[in-house]
C-alpha atoms as a PDB file:
ATOM      1  CA  LEU A   1     103.376 117.774  94.065  1.00  0.00           C
ATOM      2  CA  GLY A   2     104.434 120.226  96.727  1.00  0.00           C
ATOM      3  CA  VAL A   3     101.237 122.263  96.474  1.00  0.00           C
ATOM      4  CA  ALA A   4      99.271 123.683  99.377  1.00  0.00           C
ATOM      5  CA  LYS A   5      95.750 124.907 100.001  1.00  0.00           C
ATOM      6  CA  GLY A   6      94.963 127.855  97.708  1.00  0.00           C
ATOM      7  CA  ASP A   7      97.547 126.999  95.034  1.00  0.00           C
ATOM      8  CA  VAL A   8      96.576 126.735  91.360  1.00  0.00           C
ATOM      9  CA  VAL A   9      97.120 123.425  89.555  1.00  0.00           C
ATOM     10  CA  VAL A  10      96.918 123.093  85.754  1.00  0.00           C
ATOM     11  CA  LEU A  11      95.565 119.744  84.560  1.00  0.00           C
ATOM     12  CA  PHE A  12      96.637 118.406  81.145  1.00  0.00           C
ATOM     13  CA  SER A  13      94.360 115.762  79.638  1.00  0.00           C
ATOM     14  CA  LYS A  14      94.263 114.066  76.242  1.00  0.00           C
ATOM     15  CA  LEU A  15      95.584 115.615  73.021  1.00  0.00           C
ATOM     16  CA  VAL A  16      93.174 117.099  70.464  1.00  0.00           C
ATOM     17  CA  PRO A  17      93.863 118.456  66.956  1.00  0.00           C
ATOM     18  CA  ASP A  18      95.325 121.976  66.923  1.00  0.00           C
ATOM     19  CA  PRO A  19      92.873 124.339  65.217  1.00  0.00           C
ATOM     20  CA  VAL A  20      95.705 126.728  64.301  1.00  0.00           C
ATOM     21  CA  ARG A  21      98.490 124.418  63.131  1.00  0.00           C
ATOM     22  CA  ALA A  22      97.603 121.740  60.615  1.00  0.00           C
ATOM     23  CA  GLY A  23      98.578 118.240  61.709  1.00  0.00           C
ATOM     24  CA  GLY A  24      99.431 119.413  65.192  1.00  0.00           C
ATOM     25  CA  TYR A  25      97.934 118.455  68.540  1.00  0.00           C
ATOM     26  CA  ILE A  26      97.445 120.365  71.733  1.00  0.00           C
ATOM     27  CA  PRO A  27      96.401 119.088  75.183  1.00  0.00           C
ATOM     28  CA  ILE A  28      93.173 120.098  76.839  1.00  0.00           C
ATOM     29  CA  THR A  29      94.090 122.134  79.907  1.00  0.00           C
ATOM     30  CA  ARG A  30      92.042 123.285  82.867  1.00  0.00           C
ATOM     31  CA  SER A  31      93.127 125.258  85.906  1.00  0.00           C
ATOM     32  CA  PHE A  32      91.993 124.224  89.387  1.00  0.00           C
ATOM     33  CA  VAL A  33      92.394 125.764  92.811  1.00  0.00           C
ATOM     34  CA  VAL A  34      93.383 123.438  95.656  1.00  0.00           C
ATOM     35  CA  VAL A  35      90.613 123.875  98.227  1.00  0.00           C
ATOM     36  CA  ASP A  36      91.818 121.235 100.691  1.00  0.00           C
ATOM     37  CA  ILE A  37      94.178 118.298 101.244  1.00  0.00           C
ATOM     38  CA  TYR A  38      92.724 114.892 102.091  1.00  0.00           C
ATOM     39  CA  GLN A  39      94.406 111.994 103.868  1.00  0.00           C
ATOM     40  CA  SER A  40      92.821 108.556 103.636  1.00  0.00           C
ATOM     41  CA  GLY A  41      95.623 106.700 105.415  1.00  0.00           C
ATOM     42  CA  MET A  42      96.417 104.703 102.257  1.00  0.00           C
ATOM     43  CA  TYR A  43      99.659 105.907 100.687  1.00  0.00           C
ATOM     44  CA  THR A  44      98.760 104.433  97.297  1.00  0.00           C
ATOM     45  CA  TYR A  45      95.728 106.717  97.055  1.00  0.00           C
ATOM     46  CA  ASP A  46      97.057 109.769  98.878  1.00  0.00           C
ATOM     47  CA  SER A  47     100.086 109.980  96.574  1.00  0.00           C
ATOM     48  CA  ALA A  48      98.246 109.474  93.275  1.00  0.00           C
ATOM     49  CA  LEU A  49      94.612 110.607  93.424  1.00  0.00           C
ATOM     50  CA  ALA A  50      93.075 114.070  93.273  1.00  0.00           C
ATOM     51  CA  PHE A  51      89.379 114.930  93.310  1.00  0.00           C
ATOM     52  CA  ILE A  52      87.647 117.335  90.927  1.00  0.00           C
ATOM     53  CA  PRO A  53      83.930 117.914  90.254  1.00  0.00           C
ATOM     54  CA  LEU A  54      82.374 115.063  88.260  1.00  0.00           C
ATOM     55  CA  LYS A  55      80.798 117.275  85.588  1.00  0.00           C
ATOM     56  CA  ILE A  56      84.103 119.017  84.859  1.00  0.00           C
ATOM     57  CA  ALA A  57      85.892 115.660  84.650  1.00  0.00           C
ATOM     58  CA  GLN A  58      83.269 114.440  82.160  1.00  0.00           C
ATOM     59  CA  GLU A  59      83.825 117.550  80.059  1.00  0.00           C
ATOM     60  CA  ILE A  60      87.609 117.135  80.058  1.00  0.00           C
ATOM     61  CA  TYR A  61      87.511 113.478  79.070  1.00  0.00           C
ATOM     62  CA  GLU A  62      84.455 113.902  76.798  1.00  0.00           C
ATOM     63  CA  LEU A  63      82.363 111.420  78.762  1.00  0.00           C
ATOM     64  CA  ASP A  64      79.026 113.199  78.755  1.00  0.00           C
ATOM     65  CA  GLY A  65      76.864 111.593  81.443  1.00  0.00           C
ATOM     66  CA  MET A  66      79.254 108.634  81.794  1.00  0.00           C
ATOM     67  CA  VAL A  67      82.044 107.488  84.080  1.00  0.00           C
ATOM     68  CA  SER A  68      84.994 105.176  83.503  1.00  0.00           C
ATOM     69  CA  ARG A  69      85.060 103.603  86.973  1.00  0.00           C
ATOM     70  CA  VAL A  70      82.783 103.187  89.984  1.00  0.00           C
ATOM     71  CA  GLU A  71      84.079 102.413  93.471  1.00  0.00           C
ATOM     72  CA  VAL A  72      81.905 100.637  96.037  1.00  0.00           C
ATOM     73  CA  ARG A  73      82.551 100.698  99.782  1.00  0.00           C
ATOM     74  CA  VAL A  74      81.171  97.772 101.795  1.00  0.00           C
ATOM     75  CA  GLU A  75      80.410  97.781 105.519  1.00  0.00           C
ATOM     76  CA  ASP A  76      82.345  94.530 106.095  1.00  0.00           C
ATOM     77  CA  PRO A  77      85.630  94.481 104.106  1.00  0.00           C
ATOM     78  CA  GLY A  78      85.785  90.702 104.509  1.00  0.00           C
ATOM     79  CA  LYS A  79      82.688  90.326 102.319  1.00  0.00           C
ATOM     80  CA  ALA A  80      84.256  92.093  99.334  1.00  0.00           C
ATOM     81  CA  ASP A  81      84.301  88.886  97.245  1.00  0.00           C
ATOM     82  CA  GLU A  82      80.623  88.255  97.981  1.00  0.00           C
ATOM     83  CA  VAL A  83      79.688  91.794  96.934  1.00  0.00           C
ATOM     84  CA  ARG A  84      81.878  91.462  93.844  1.00  0.00           C
ATOM     85  CA  MET A  85      79.953  88.379  92.693  1.00  0.00           C
ATOM     86  CA  ARG A  86      76.622  90.121  93.294  1.00  0.00           C
ATOM     87  CA  ILE A  87      77.757  93.096  91.207  1.00  0.00           C
ATOM     88  CA  LEU A  88      79.053  90.779  88.481  1.00  0.00           C
ATOM     89  CA  SER A  89      75.754  88.899  88.331  1.00  0.00           C
ATOM     90  CA  LYS A  90      73.825  92.151  87.835  1.00  0.00           C
ATOM     91  CA  LEU A  91      76.171  93.911  85.370  1.00  0.00           C
ATOM     92  CA  GLY A  92      77.348  90.952  83.317  1.00  0.00           C
ATOM     93  CA  PHE A  93      80.786  89.669  82.393  1.00  0.00           C
ATOM     94  CA  GLU A  94      81.654  92.634  80.159  1.00  0.00           C
ATOM     95  CA  PHE A  95      82.579  94.498  83.366  1.00  0.00           C
ATOM     96  CA  LEU A  96      85.564  93.672  85.571  1.00  0.00           C
ATOM     97  CA  PRO A  97      84.921  94.208  89.291  1.00  0.00           C
ATOM     98  CA  ARG A  98      88.103  94.020  91.362  1.00  0.00           C
ATOM     99  CA  THR A  99      88.324  93.872  95.159  1.00  0.00           C
ATOM    100  CA  TRP A 100      90.853  95.484  97.474  1.00  0.00           C
ATOM    101  CA  MET A 101      92.294  92.013  98.124  1.00  0.00           C
ATOM    102  CA  GLU A 102      93.036  91.573  94.420  1.00  0.00           C
ATOM    103  CA  LEU A 103      94.552  95.043  94.070  1.00  0.00           C
ATOM    104  CA  HIS A 104      96.933  94.408  96.993  1.00  0.00           C
ATOM    105  CA  GLY A 105      97.219  90.627  96.702  1.00  0.00           C
ATOM    106  CA  ASN A 106     100.995  90.423  97.132  1.00  0.00           C
ATOM    107  CA  LEU A 107     100.959  92.555 100.271  1.00  0.00           C
ATOM    108  CA  PHE A 108      98.201  90.586 101.975  1.00  0.00           C
ATOM    109  CA  SER A 109      99.812  87.266 101.016  1.00  0.00           C
ATOM    110  CA  ALA A 110     103.013  88.440 102.701  1.00  0.00           C
ATOM    111  CA  MET A 111     101.061  89.588 105.772  1.00  0.00           C
ATOM    112  CA  ALA A 112      99.265  86.217 105.952  1.00  0.00           C
ATOM    113  CA  LEU A 113     102.653  84.479 105.919  1.00  0.00           C
ATOM    114  CA  GLU A 114     103.876  86.813 108.674  1.00  0.00           C
ATOM    115  CA  ARG A 115     100.862  85.874 110.796  1.00  0.00           C
ATOM    116  CA  LYS A 116     101.666  82.183 110.467  1.00  0.00           C
ATOM    117  CA  VAL A 117     105.304  82.770 111.390  1.00  0.00           C
ATOM    118  CA  THR A 118     104.222  84.938 114.342  1.00  0.00           C
ATOM    119  CA  PHE A 119     101.949  82.144 115.589  1.00  0.00           C
ATOM    120  CA  ILE A 120     104.838  79.652 115.398  1.00  0.00           C
ATOM    121  CA  VAL A 121     107.192  82.034 117.243  1.00  0.00           C
ATOM    122  CA  GLU A 122     104.592  82.613 119.975  1.00  0.00           C
ATOM    123  CA  ALA A 123     104.083  78.866 120.323  1.00  0.00           C
ATOM    124  CA  LEU A 124     107.847  78.409 120.778  1.00  0.00           C
ATOM    125  CA  ILE A 125     107.898  81.138 123.435  1.00  0.00           C
ATOM    126  CA  VAL A 126     105.084  79.372 125.280  1.00  0.00           C
ATOM    127  CA  LEU A 127     106.977  76.085 124.931  1.00  0.00           C
ATOM    128  CA  VAL A 128     110.008  77.609 126.643  1.00  0.00           C
ATOM    129  CA  ALA A 129     107.743  78.912 129.417  1.00  0.00           C
ATOM    130  CA  ALA A 130     106.234  75.425 129.726  1.00  0.00           C
ATOM    131  CA  PHE A 131     109.677  73.997 130.503  1.00  0.00           C
ATOM    132  CA  ASN A 132     109.825  76.461 133.392  1.00  0.00           C
ATOM    133  CA  ILE A 133     106.491  75.108 134.636  1.00  0.00           C
ATOM    134  CA  THR A 134     107.834  71.558 134.359  1.00  0.00           C
ATOM    135  CA  SER A 135     111.007  72.370 136.299  1.00  0.00           C
ATOM    136  CA  MET A 136     109.004  74.253 138.935  1.00  0.00           C
ATOM    137  CA  LEU A 137     106.644  71.305 139.442  1.00  0.00           C
ATOM    138  CA  ILE A 138     109.580  68.880 139.660  1.00  0.00           C
ATOM    139  CA  MET A 139     111.117  71.038 142.396  1.00  0.00           C
ATOM    140  CA  LEU A 140     107.730  71.176 144.107  1.00  0.00           C
ATOM    141  CA  VAL A 141     107.451  67.382 144.028  1.00  0.00           C
ATOM    142  CA  MET A 142     110.888  67.121 145.630  1.00  0.00           C
ATOM    143  CA  GLU A 143     109.855  69.579 148.347  1.00  0.00           C
ATOM    144  CA  LYS A 144     106.527  67.844 149.012  1.00  0.00           C
ATOM    145  CA  VAL A 145     107.840  64.269 149.242  1.00  0.00           C
ATOM    146  CA  LYS A 146     106.805  64.041 152.904  1.00  0.00           C
ATOM    147  CA  ASP A 147     103.312  65.400 152.228  1.00  0.00           C
ATOM    148  CA  ILE A 148     102.852  63.055 149.285  1.00  0.00           C
ATOM    149  CA  GLY A 149     103.949  60.127 151.419  1.00  0.00           C
ATOM    150  CA  ILE A 150     101.472  61.061 154.176  1.00  0.00           C
ATOM    151  CA  LEU A 151      98.611  61.421 151.674  1.00  0.00           C
ATOM    152  CA  LYS A 152      99.374  58.053 150.100  1.00  0.00           C
ATOM    153  CA  ALA A 153      99.700  56.438 153.537  1.00  0.00           C
ATOM    154  CA  MET A 154      96.216  57.768 154.349  1.00  0.00           C
ATOM    155  CA  GLY A 155      94.822  56.126 151.213  1.00  0.00           C
ATOM    156  CA  ALA A 156      95.220  58.707 148.476  1.00  0.00           C
ATOM    157  CA  LYS A 157      95.337  57.103 145.034  1.00  0.00           C
ATOM    158  CA  ASN A 158      97.988  57.709 142.422  1.00  0.00           C
ATOM    159  CA  ARG A 159      95.411  59.387 140.177  1.00  0.00           C
ATOM    160  CA  SER A 160      94.483  61.858 142.927  1.00  0.00           C
ATOM    161  CA  ILE A 161      98.127  62.800 143.549  1.00  0.00           C
ATOM    162  CA  ALA A 162      98.741  63.274 139.831  1.00  0.00           C
ATOM    163  CA  ARG A 163      95.582  65.375 139.505  1.00  0.00           C
ATOM    164  CA  ILE A 164      96.814  67.788 142.208  1.00  0.00           C
ATOM    165  CA  PHE A 165     100.014  68.665 140.315  1.00  0.00           C
ATOM    166  CA  THR A 166      98.283  68.647 136.932  1.00  0.00           C
ATOM    167  CA  LEU A 167      95.671  71.076 138.239  1.00  0.00           C
ATOM    168  CA  GLN A 168      98.351  73.341 139.650  1.00  0.00           C
ATOM    169  CA  GLY A 169     100.147  73.549 136.299  1.00  0.00           C
ATOM    170  CA  VAL A 170      96.897  74.151 134.403  1.00  0.00           C
ATOM    171  CA  VAL A 171      95.906  76.933 136.816  1.00  0.00           C
ATOM    172  CA  ILE A 172      99.284  78.591 136.216  1.00  0.00           C
ATOM    173  CA  GLY A 173      98.678  78.344 132.472  1.00  0.00           C
ATOM    174  CA  ILE A 174      95.152  79.776 132.737  1.00  0.00           C
ATOM    175  CA  CYS A 175      96.328  82.696 134.867  1.00  0.00           C
ATOM    176  CA  GLY A 176      99.211  83.434 132.494  1.00  0.00           C
ATOM    177  CA  ALA A 177      96.988  83.188 129.401  1.00  0.00           C
ATOM    178  CA  ALA A 178      94.332  85.434 130.971  1.00  0.00           C
ATOM    179  CA  LEU A 179      96.920  88.030 132.017  1.00  0.00           C
ATOM    180  CA  GLY A 180      98.677  88.000 128.641  1.00  0.00           C
ATOM    181  CA  THR A 181      95.417  88.156 126.676  1.00  0.00           C
ATOM    182  CA  GLY A 182      94.129  91.013 128.819  1.00  0.00           C
ATOM    183  CA  LEU A 183      97.318  93.030 128.398  1.00  0.00           C
ATOM    184  CA  GLY A 184      97.390  92.345 124.658  1.00  0.00           C
ATOM    185  CA  LEU A 185      93.752  93.330 124.089  1.00  0.00           C
ATOM    186  CA  GLY A 186      94.213  96.413 126.267  1.00  0.00           C
ATOM    187  CA  LEU A 187      97.238  97.465 124.210  1.00  0.00           C
ATOM    188  CA  CYS A 188      95.288  96.928 120.968  1.00  0.00           C
ATOM    189  CA  GLU A 189      92.443  99.080 122.312  1.00  0.00           C
ATOM    190  CA  VAL A 190      94.881 101.882 123.174  1.00  0.00           C
ATOM    191  CA  LEU A 191      96.485 101.694 119.716  1.00  0.00           C
ATOM    192  CA  GLN A 192      93.071 101.707 118.021  1.00  0.00           C
ATOM    193  CA  ARG A 193      91.624 104.660 119.934  1.00  0.00           C
ATOM    194  CA  TRP A 194      94.407 106.984 121.040  1.00  0.00           C
ATOM    195  CA  VAL A 195      97.861 106.054 119.776  1.00  0.00           C
ATOM    196  CA  HIS A 196      98.490 105.637 116.035  1.00  0.00           C
ATOM    197  CA  ILE A 197     101.902 104.207 115.167  1.00  0.00           C
ATOM    198  CA  PRO A 198     103.237 105.658 111.873  1.00  0.00           C
ATOM    199  CA  VAL A 199     104.530 103.218 109.263  1.00  0.00           C
ATOM    200  CA  PRO A 200     108.032 104.313 108.142  1.00  0.00           C
ATOM    201  CA  TYR A 201     107.926 102.697 104.688  1.00  0.00           C
ATOM    202  CA  THR A 202     104.841 104.251 103.121  1.00  0.00           C
ATOM    203  CA  ASP A 203     106.201 103.579  99.644  1.00  0.00           C
ATOM    204  CA  VAL A 204     106.098  99.839 100.409  1.00  0.00           C
ATOM    205  CA  TYR A 205     102.943  99.539 102.500  1.00  0.00           C
ATOM    206  CA  PRO A 206      99.680 101.097 101.246  1.00  0.00           C
ATOM    207  CA  PHE A 207      98.895 102.653 104.648  1.00  0.00           C
ATOM    208  CA  SER A 208     100.493 105.405 106.689  1.00  0.00           C
ATOM    209  CA  THR A 209      99.640 104.127 110.197  1.00  0.00           C
ATOM    210  CA  LEU A 210      99.825 100.649 111.659  1.00  0.00           C
ATOM    211  CA  PRO A 211      96.356  99.040 111.368  1.00  0.00           C
ATOM    212  CA  ILE A 212      95.131  97.201 114.470  1.00  0.00           C
ATOM    213  CA  VAL A 213      92.522  94.458 114.025  1.00  0.00           C
ATOM    214  CA  VAL A 214      91.730  91.859 116.700  1.00  0.00           C
ATOM    215  CA  ASP A 215      91.186  88.421 115.165  1.00  0.00           C
ATOM    216  CA  TRP A 216      89.301  86.446 117.796  1.00  0.00           C
ATOM    217  CA  THR A 217      90.008  83.168 116.003  1.00  0.00           C
ATOM    218  CA  VAL A 218      93.762  83.707 116.384  1.00  0.00           C
ATOM    219  CA  VAL A 219      93.307  84.817 120.003  1.00  0.00           C
ATOM    220  CA  GLY A 220      91.341  81.640 120.735  1.00  0.00           C
ATOM    221  CA  LEU A 221      93.861  79.384 118.974  1.00  0.00           C
ATOM    222  CA  ILE A 222      96.792  80.917 120.848  1.00  0.00           C
ATOM    223  CA  ASN A 223      95.063  80.524 124.221  1.00  0.00           C
ATOM    224  CA  LEU A 224      94.098  76.953 123.368  1.00  0.00           C
ATOM    225  CA  ALA A 225      97.697  76.172 122.392  1.00  0.00           C
ATOM    226  CA  VAL A 226      98.916  77.722 125.662  1.00  0.00           C
ATOM    227  CA  LEU A 227      96.581  75.571 127.749  1.00  0.00           C
ATOM    228  CA  ILE A 228      97.482  72.379 125.874  1.00  0.00           C
ATOM    229  CA  ILE A 229     101.241  73.027 126.196  1.00  0.00           C
ATOM    230  CA  CYS A 230     100.889  73.852 129.913  1.00  0.00           C
ATOM    231  CA  TRP A 231      98.846  70.678 130.451  1.00  0.00           C
ATOM    232  CA  LEU A 232     101.469  68.577 128.662  1.00  0.00           C
ATOM    233  CA  ALA A 233     104.184  70.212 130.785  1.00  0.00           C
ATOM    234  CA  THR A 234     102.523  68.897 133.966  1.00  0.00           C
ATOM    235  CA  LEU A 235     102.302  65.249 132.917  1.00  0.00           C
ATOM    236  CA  TYR A 236     105.864  64.214 133.723  1.00  0.00           C
ATOM    237  CA  PRO A 237     106.160  65.769 137.221  1.00  0.00           C
ATOM    238  CA  ALA A 238     102.610  64.622 138.075  1.00  0.00           C
ATOM    239  CA  LYS A 239     103.477  61.076 137.041  1.00  0.00           C
ATOM    240  CA  GLN A 240     106.664  61.153 139.106  1.00  0.00           C
ATOM    241  CA  ALA A 241     104.722  62.386 142.132  1.00  0.00           C
ATOM    242  CA  SER A 242     102.107  59.650 141.791  1.00  0.00           C
ATOM    243  CA  LYS A 243     104.778  56.928 141.616  1.00  0.00           C
ATOM    244  CA  LEU A 244     106.287  57.824 145.005  1.00  0.00           C
ATOM    245  CA  SER A 245     106.069  54.995 147.510  1.00  0.00           C
ATOM    246  CA  PRO A 246     104.833  55.981 151.014  1.00  0.00           C
ATOM    247  CA  ALA A 247     107.607  53.908 152.606  1.00  0.00           C
ATOM    248  CA  GLU A 248     110.329  55.592 150.543  1.00  0.00           C
ATOM    249  CA  ALA A 249     108.815  59.046 151.112  1.00  0.00           C
ATOM    250  CA  LEU A 250     108.648  58.638 154.912  1.00  0.00           C
ATOM    251  CA  ARG A 251     111.819  56.567 155.437  1.00  0.00           C
ATOM    252  CA  TYR A 252     113.895  59.458 156.845  1.00  0.00           C
ATOM    253  CA  GLU A 253     111.032  61.284 158.606  1.00  0.00           C
END
């Protein structure tokens, strides 16, 4: 509205019969002084809601001792549906409790789809990195032909040779996953505590800053996918290393 602290705002409510002009109606008006400006971080509320004393609001809307809506804040937002059913069981079906997920259903459906797409994109990035692991292990097998031949000549089994290269690839994957997870969680902690990224399209999204929430299930799934892809990337070079014949490996040594 372009008002600031200390400005006067005139509130127009419902129309009532005009005591002076027959058949006419006039609105009920009350003047209020802006004592402060609040910011909840939700554009939908910040741009549309103002707070006035409850008793005055009841007088304006002729709701003596009554209210038209009650809002409930829960400690765990994920349990909103559970709390909704508890409220519904106590108040009866003549009331209509609605959760924040229902009020912003389209937005959260779009965000859920974005999460799935993000997971697929991250998996593809890891897959590309896994090809690098495969090529690195193939080059390593070519460099270690002599050592593989010596080990096999001394009695090393094919399974043992394969396990060496498989373990090396898995260790690379574990180190990369640990480093990436640590950097990602550290960045999330910084964004949660100190740095708040503003959202440019507040008329589209119902929040003014980028919300940061760590979903440990997603973190675990991504790390598990990384380890599985890295393990699969080691199978081919490990198999090639285990198939080397000691005679062929040491022929030119």
